[in-house]
């Protein structure tokens, strides 16, 4: 049985990915220090005998003796997905973010190299910053404020890509980089601070939806099941360059807010508040590489995805 070690395994994306790997016949060790991850997210995965949840901080040397499935199956793959990823976290946990995307990346790359395992690092559309080209292709170098409030996340993800690509070039790492665009769905933290949980929770409480700025900034929303399908396809390939995974259907934030209100069935209004510093004005992936090299396309439209998300948040309330 092929065994995958997944950091951030009890987080929003990591928990869904754990379940997909299990369905595909892999054994999974999920590593988490529960800074933002939640044990309840892996309740279903934990029912499998081929799943193990290990509490570890990947910013410290990884204690392989605690990875009991590695002793049984070896390590076929390492997925580094541990990192707080919300604008709220940028202010609350900046040093944890800096550490996990630098030291954590180095430690997990070393683990993959020791076992000659396939390695995937979770990068982000944030490495493009406030982009000057549109849509964003993988060969775009970005427009990032290196000392702004988002720099702890943006710049350390750029470092993670630099470290992984250097390990590929000089140490023979079988590595890949996935640039994740706005993703949403069940298991997001209700207090996450990102646009989907914030709007959904406000709408379900019949509170005003707080739109940062004028609402004309755009985002491209990808449902989590589509995202993890693309990530696992990348893992199972031999692609070693960055790949955008996201939904290329671009929407204005104000339009998104109106859709949330309509689908929630509530009576919320929209309240405009000051925009966040360095908040990108446009965000949309060019997914030509994912289409051509992975045969991947998103399948879940926004209305379907929002219905699933609203149902989840309603239960959380």
Protein backbone atom coordinates (compact mmCIF):
# COMPACT_ATOMS: atom_id res chain seq x y z
CA UNK A 1 0.00 0.00 0.00
CA UNK A 2 1.27 3.48 -0.89
CA UNK A 3 1.57 5.76 2.12
CA UNK A 4 1.28 9.56 2.05
CA UNK A 5 2.34 11.93 4.84
CA UNK A 6 0.16 15.05 4.81
CA UNK A 7 0.96 18.08 6.97
CA UNK A 8 -1.99 20.26 7.92
CA UNK A 9 -4.02 17.08 7.66
CA UNK A 10 -6.82 18.17 10.01
CA UNK A 11 -7.29 21.52 8.28
CA UNK A 12 -9.94 22.53 5.77
CA UNK A 13 -8.15 21.33 2.63
CA UNK A 14 -6.02 18.66 4.31
CA UNK A 15 -8.96 16.78 5.79
CA UNK A 16 -10.74 16.56 2.44
CA UNK A 17 -7.51 15.44 0.79
CA UNK A 18 -7.01 12.73 3.41
CA UNK A 19 -10.40 11.27 2.53
CA UNK A 20 -9.70 11.36 -1.21
CA UNK A 21 -6.36 9.57 -0.77
CA UNK A 22 -8.06 6.91 1.37
CA UNK A 23 -10.75 6.40 -1.28
CA UNK A 24 -8.01 5.93 -3.86
CA UNK A 25 -6.38 3.16 -1.79
CA UNK A 26 -3.57 5.06 -0.06
CA UNK A 27 -2.61 4.94 3.60
CA UNK A 28 -2.49 8.43 5.11
CA UNK A 29 -0.63 9.95 8.04
CA UNK A 30 -2.05 13.37 8.82
CA UNK A 31 0.28 15.64 10.78
CA UNK A 32 -1.07 18.70 12.58
CA UNK A 33 -0.25 20.89 15.57
CA UNK A 34 -3.89 22.14 15.74
CA UNK A 35 -3.09 25.83 15.59
CA UNK A 36 -5.97 26.16 13.12
CA UNK A 37 -6.79 22.51 12.32
CA UNK A 38 -9.63 20.68 14.08
CA UNK A 39 -9.87 17.02 15.08
CA UNK A 40 -13.53 16.91 14.11
CA UNK A 41 -12.51 17.49 10.48
CA UNK A 42 -10.92 14.02 10.31
CA UNK A 43 -13.70 12.15 12.07
CA UNK A 44 -14.62 10.25 8.90
CA UNK A 45 -11.02 9.60 7.89
CA UNK A 46 -10.26 8.28 11.38
CA UNK A 47 -12.68 5.42 10.81
CA UNK A 48 -10.17 3.89 8.39
CA UNK A 49 -7.44 1.59 9.74
CA UNK A 50 -5.16 3.08 7.09
CA UNK A 51 -5.36 6.58 8.60
CA UNK A 52 -3.28 7.95 11.44
CA UNK A 53 -3.45 11.42 12.98
CA UNK A 54 -0.21 12.54 14.61
CA UNK A 55 0.22 15.73 16.62
CA UNK A 56 3.55 17.23 15.54
CA UNK A 57 5.03 20.63 14.80
CA UNK A 58 6.81 20.38 11.45
CA UNK A 59 8.90 23.41 12.35
CA UNK A 60 10.80 21.02 14.59
CA UNK A 61 12.70 17.94 13.37
CA UNK A 62 10.14 15.35 12.28
CA UNK A 63 10.17 12.37 14.63
CA UNK A 64 9.77 9.48 12.20
CA UNK A 65 9.34 7.04 15.08
CA UNK A 66 5.89 8.58 15.60
CA UNK A 67 4.84 7.79 12.03
CA UNK A 68 3.70 4.21 12.61
CA UNK A 69 2.31 3.79 9.09
CA UNK A 70 5.74 4.70 7.69
CA UNK A 71 7.23 1.72 9.50
CA UNK A 72 4.58 -0.48 7.91
CA UNK A 73 4.45 0.92 4.37
CA UNK A 74 7.39 3.30 3.92
CA UNK A 75 6.67 6.79 2.56
CA UNK A 76 5.52 7.17 -1.04
CA UNK A 77 4.57 10.84 -0.85
CA UNK A 78 4.86 13.94 1.32
CA UNK A 79 2.31 16.75 1.01
CA UNK A 80 3.19 19.98 2.84
CA UNK A 81 -0.12 21.77 3.42
CA UNK A 82 0.31 23.05 6.97
CA UNK A 83 -0.18 26.81 7.19
CA UNK A 84 -2.76 29.29 8.53
CA UNK A 85 -4.13 30.90 5.38
CA UNK A 86 -6.64 33.60 6.31
CA UNK A 87 -6.11 37.39 6.40
CA UNK A 88 -7.21 37.14 10.04
CA UNK A 89 -4.32 34.73 10.64
CA UNK A 90 -1.84 37.11 9.00
CA UNK A 91 -2.36 39.49 11.90
CA UNK A 92 -2.73 36.89 14.67
CA UNK A 93 -0.16 34.26 13.65
CA UNK A 94 2.45 35.94 11.42
CA UNK A 95 5.48 34.25 12.96
CA UNK A 96 3.85 30.82 12.92
CA UNK A 97 3.14 31.34 9.21
CA UNK A 98 6.71 32.45 8.54
CA UNK A 99 8.06 29.39 10.34
CA UNK A 100 5.85 26.71 8.83
CA UNK A 101 6.39 27.87 5.24
CA UNK A 102 10.17 28.16 5.67
CA UNK A 103 11.47 25.76 8.33
CA UNK A 104 8.48 23.46 7.82
CA UNK A 105 9.14 23.34 4.09
CA UNK A 106 12.79 22.48 4.65
CA UNK A 107 11.94 19.72 7.14
CA UNK A 108 9.32 18.12 4.91
CA UNK A 109 11.54 18.30 1.83
CA UNK A 110 14.27 16.53 3.82
CA UNK A 111 11.75 13.83 4.81
CA UNK A 112 10.79 13.32 1.16
CA UNK A 113 14.43 13.17 0.06
CA UNK A 114 15.29 10.55 2.71
CA UNK A 115 12.51 8.31 1.40
CA UNK A 116 12.77 9.28 -2.28
CA UNK A 117 9.12 10.25 -2.06
CA UNK A 118 7.02 12.45 -4.33
CA UNK A 119 6.66 15.90 -2.74
CA UNK A 120 3.99 18.57 -3.23
CA UNK A 121 4.02 21.97 -1.52
CA UNK A 122 0.88 24.07 -1.15
CA UNK A 123 1.62 27.42 -2.70
CA UNK A 124 -0.96 30.09 -3.35
CA UNK A 125 -2.32 32.66 -5.76
CA UNK A 126 -1.08 35.19 -3.19
CA UNK A 127 2.41 34.83 -4.67
CA UNK A 128 1.09 36.92 -7.58
CA UNK A 129 0.27 39.76 -5.14
CA UNK A 130 -1.87 42.52 -6.66
CA UNK A 131 -1.30 41.28 -10.22
CA UNK A 132 -0.44 43.50 -13.16
CA UNK A 133 -1.44 40.81 -15.70
CA UNK A 134 -4.81 39.12 -15.98
CA UNK A 135 -5.60 36.25 -15.78
CA UNK A 136 -2.53 35.02 -13.93
CA UNK A 137 -0.29 32.48 -15.65
CA UNK A 138 2.35 30.42 -13.90
CA UNK A 139 5.15 32.28 -15.65
CA UNK A 140 4.07 35.61 -14.10
CA UNK A 141 6.51 36.67 -11.36
CA UNK A 142 4.01 38.68 -9.35
CA UNK A 143 3.60 42.13 -7.77
CA UNK A 144 4.04 41.64 -4.03
CA UNK A 145 4.63 44.18 -1.26
CA UNK A 146 7.53 42.56 0.60
CA UNK A 147 6.95 44.54 3.80
CA UNK A 148 3.15 44.78 3.83
CA UNK A 149 0.68 43.10 6.22
CA UNK A 150 0.28 40.11 3.88
CA UNK A 151 4.03 39.61 3.41
CA UNK A 152 4.31 36.99 6.15
CA UNK A 153 2.18 34.73 3.94
CA UNK A 154 2.93 35.92 0.38
CA UNK A 155 6.69 36.10 0.73
CA UNK A 156 7.12 32.89 2.70
CA UNK A 157 5.09 30.98 0.11
CA UNK A 158 7.43 32.43 -2.51
CA UNK A 159 10.35 31.21 -0.40
CA UNK A 160 8.75 27.74 -0.19
CA UNK A 161 8.58 27.59 -3.98
CA UNK A 162 12.20 28.75 -4.20
CA UNK A 163 13.32 26.07 -1.76
CA UNK A 164 11.37 23.28 -3.47
CA UNK A 165 12.49 24.29 -6.98
CA UNK A 166 16.10 24.47 -5.78
CA UNK A 167 15.81 21.01 -4.22
CA UNK A 168 14.38 19.74 -7.52
CA UNK A 169 17.25 21.32 -9.45
CA UNK A 170 20.19 20.38 -7.23
CA UNK A 171 19.11 17.54 -4.94
CA UNK A 172 16.95 15.43 -7.24
CA UNK A 173 13.69 16.04 -5.39
CA UNK A 174 10.65 14.65 -7.18
CA UNK A 175 8.66 17.74 -6.28
CA UNK A 176 5.75 19.82 -7.47
CA UNK A 177 4.11 23.13 -6.50
CA UNK A 178 0.37 23.80 -6.54
CA UNK A 179 -0.76 27.42 -6.60
CA UNK A 180 -4.15 27.38 -4.90
CA UNK A 181 -6.72 30.06 -5.75
CA UNK A 182 -9.74 31.00 -3.59
CA UNK A 183 -11.23 27.75 -2.33
CA UNK A 184 -14.38 27.25 -0.26
CA UNK A 185 -16.62 24.53 1.12
CA UNK A 186 -17.49 22.58 4.26
CA UNK A 187 -14.94 22.52 7.12
CA UNK A 188 -13.84 26.09 6.75
CA UNK A 189 -13.70 27.70 10.19
CA UNK A 190 -16.79 29.85 10.77
CA UNK A 191 -14.52 32.56 12.21
CA UNK A 192 -11.94 32.11 9.45
CA UNK A 193 -12.25 35.69 8.24
CA UNK A 194 -12.16 34.79 4.56
CA UNK A 195 -14.95 35.96 2.32
CA UNK A 196 -16.99 32.73 2.06
CA UNK A 197 -17.36 31.85 5.77
CA UNK A 198 -17.72 35.53 6.68
CA UNK A 199 -20.54 36.14 4.18
CA UNK A 200 -22.25 32.82 4.88
CA UNK A 201 -22.29 33.31 8.65
CA UNK A 202 -23.48 36.90 8.34
CA UNK A 203 -26.25 35.90 5.93
CA UNK A 204 -27.44 33.04 8.14
CA UNK A 205 -27.64 35.46 11.07
CA UNK A 206 -29.43 38.07 8.92
CA UNK A 207 -26.59 40.48 9.61
CA UNK A 208 -25.23 42.92 7.01
CA UNK A 209 -22.60 41.39 4.74
CA UNK A 210 -19.43 43.42 5.20
CA UNK A 211 -17.79 44.07 1.83
CA UNK A 212 -14.24 45.41 2.05
CA UNK A 213 -13.75 48.28 -0.39
CA UNK A 214 -16.23 49.02 -3.19
CA UNK A 215 -16.99 45.37 -4.02
CA UNK A 216 -15.71 45.66 -7.59
CA UNK A 217 -12.60 43.62 -6.85
CA UNK A 218 -12.83 40.15 -8.35
CA UNK A 219 -12.23 36.62 -7.08
CA UNK A 220 -12.51 33.16 -8.61
CA UNK A 221 -14.10 30.62 -6.27
CA UNK A 222 -13.22 26.92 -6.50
CA UNK A 223 -15.17 24.31 -4.54
CA UNK A 224 -12.97 22.13 -2.35
CA UNK A 225 -13.79 18.82 -4.08
CA UNK A 226 -12.57 20.26 -7.40
CA UNK A 227 -9.42 21.60 -5.78
CA UNK A 228 -8.35 18.33 -4.15
CA UNK A 229 -9.04 16.42 -7.37
CA UNK A 230 -6.56 18.70 -9.13
CA UNK A 231 -4.00 18.42 -6.34
CA UNK A 232 -4.07 14.62 -6.29
CA UNK A 233 -3.76 14.56 -10.08
CA UNK A 234 -0.66 16.73 -9.72
CA UNK A 235 0.71 14.43 -7.02
CA UNK A 236 0.24 11.37 -9.22
CA UNK A 237 1.98 13.07 -12.16
CA UNK A 238 5.68 13.81 -12.63
CA UNK A 239 5.16 17.54 -13.21
CA UNK A 240 7.80 19.61 -11.43
CA UNK A 241 6.81 23.15 -12.30
CA UNK A 242 4.12 25.26 -10.57
CA UNK A 243 0.50 24.58 -11.54
CA UNK A 244 -2.47 26.87 -10.92
CA UNK A 245 -5.50 25.08 -9.50
CA UNK A 246 -8.61 27.23 -9.27
CA UNK A 247 -11.87 28.08 -10.96
CA UNK A 248 -11.38 30.51 -13.86
CA UNK A 249 -14.92 31.93 -13.58
CA UNK A 250 -14.27 35.44 -12.25
CA UNK A 251 -16.86 37.29 -10.15
CA UNK A 252 -17.07 40.67 -8.48
CA UNK A 253 -17.22 40.48 -4.70
CA UNK A 254 -20.48 42.46 -4.69
CA UNK A 255 -22.06 39.88 -7.04
CA UNK A 256 -20.86 37.10 -4.80
CA UNK A 257 -22.40 38.80 -1.74
CA UNK A 258 -25.73 39.10 -3.54
CA UNK A 259 -25.65 35.38 -4.43
CA UNK A 260 -25.00 34.41 -0.80
CA UNK A 261 -27.96 36.50 0.40
CA UNK A 262 -30.26 35.02 -2.24
CA UNK A 263 -29.28 31.41 -1.55
CA UNK A 264 -29.42 31.81 2.23
CA UNK A 265 -33.04 32.93 2.02
CA UNK A 266 -32.31 35.70 4.50
CA UNK A 267 -32.89 39.43 4.51
CA UNK A 268 -29.32 40.69 4.92
CA UNK A 269 -28.18 43.93 3.40
CA UNK A 270 -24.68 44.87 2.22
CA UNK A 271 -22.43 47.13 4.26
CA UNK A 272 -19.28 48.60 2.73
CA UNK A 273 -16.25 48.96 4.99
CA UNK A 274 -12.67 50.13 4.27
CA UNK A 275 -10.66 47.81 2.04
CA UNK A 276 -7.78 45.72 3.36
CA UNK A 277 -4.27 46.97 2.67
CA UNK A 278 -2.68 45.32 -0.40
CA UNK A 279 -5.91 43.43 -1.14
CA UNK A 280 -5.68 42.31 -4.81
CA UNK A 281 -8.05 44.08 -7.19
CA UNK A 282 -8.28 41.12 -9.54
CA UNK A 283 -7.70 37.43 -9.04
CA UNK A 284 -8.32 34.80 -11.72
CA UNK A 285 -6.22 31.77 -12.69
CA UNK A 286 -5.14 30.79 -16.15
CA UNK A 287 -5.58 27.00 -15.88
CA UNK A 288 -4.26 26.06 -19.32
CA UNK A 289 -1.40 24.09 -17.77
CA UNK A 290 -3.74 22.11 -15.47
CA UNK A 291 -6.09 21.38 -18.37
CA UNK A 292 -3.38 20.26 -20.77
CA UNK A 293 -1.04 18.43 -18.38
CA UNK A 294 -3.50 17.03 -15.82
CA UNK A 295 -6.74 16.82 -17.77
CA UNK A 296 -8.33 18.84 -14.96
CA UNK A 297 -11.29 21.18 -15.03
CA UNK A 298 -13.51 22.36 -12.15
CA UNK A 299 -16.99 20.81 -12.18
CA UNK A 300 -18.94 22.36 -9.30
CA UNK A 301 -20.65 25.65 -10.14
CA UNK A 302 -20.89 28.45 -7.59
CA UNK A 303 -24.57 27.97 -6.73
CA UNK A 304 -24.13 24.26 -5.97
CA UNK A 305 -21.00 24.89 -3.94
CA UNK A 306 -22.61 27.69 -1.96
CA UNK A 307 -25.61 25.52 -1.10
CA UNK A 308 -23.29 22.88 0.37
CA UNK A 309 -21.35 25.56 2.23
CA UNK A 310 -24.43 27.26 3.66
CA UNK A 311 -25.77 23.90 4.83
CA UNK A 312 -22.49 23.25 6.65
CA UNK A 313 -22.36 26.66 8.31
CA UNK A 314 -26.02 26.37 9.33
CA UNK A 315 -25.15 23.15 11.19
CA UNK A 316 -22.14 24.84 12.78
CA UNK A 317 -24.47 27.46 14.22
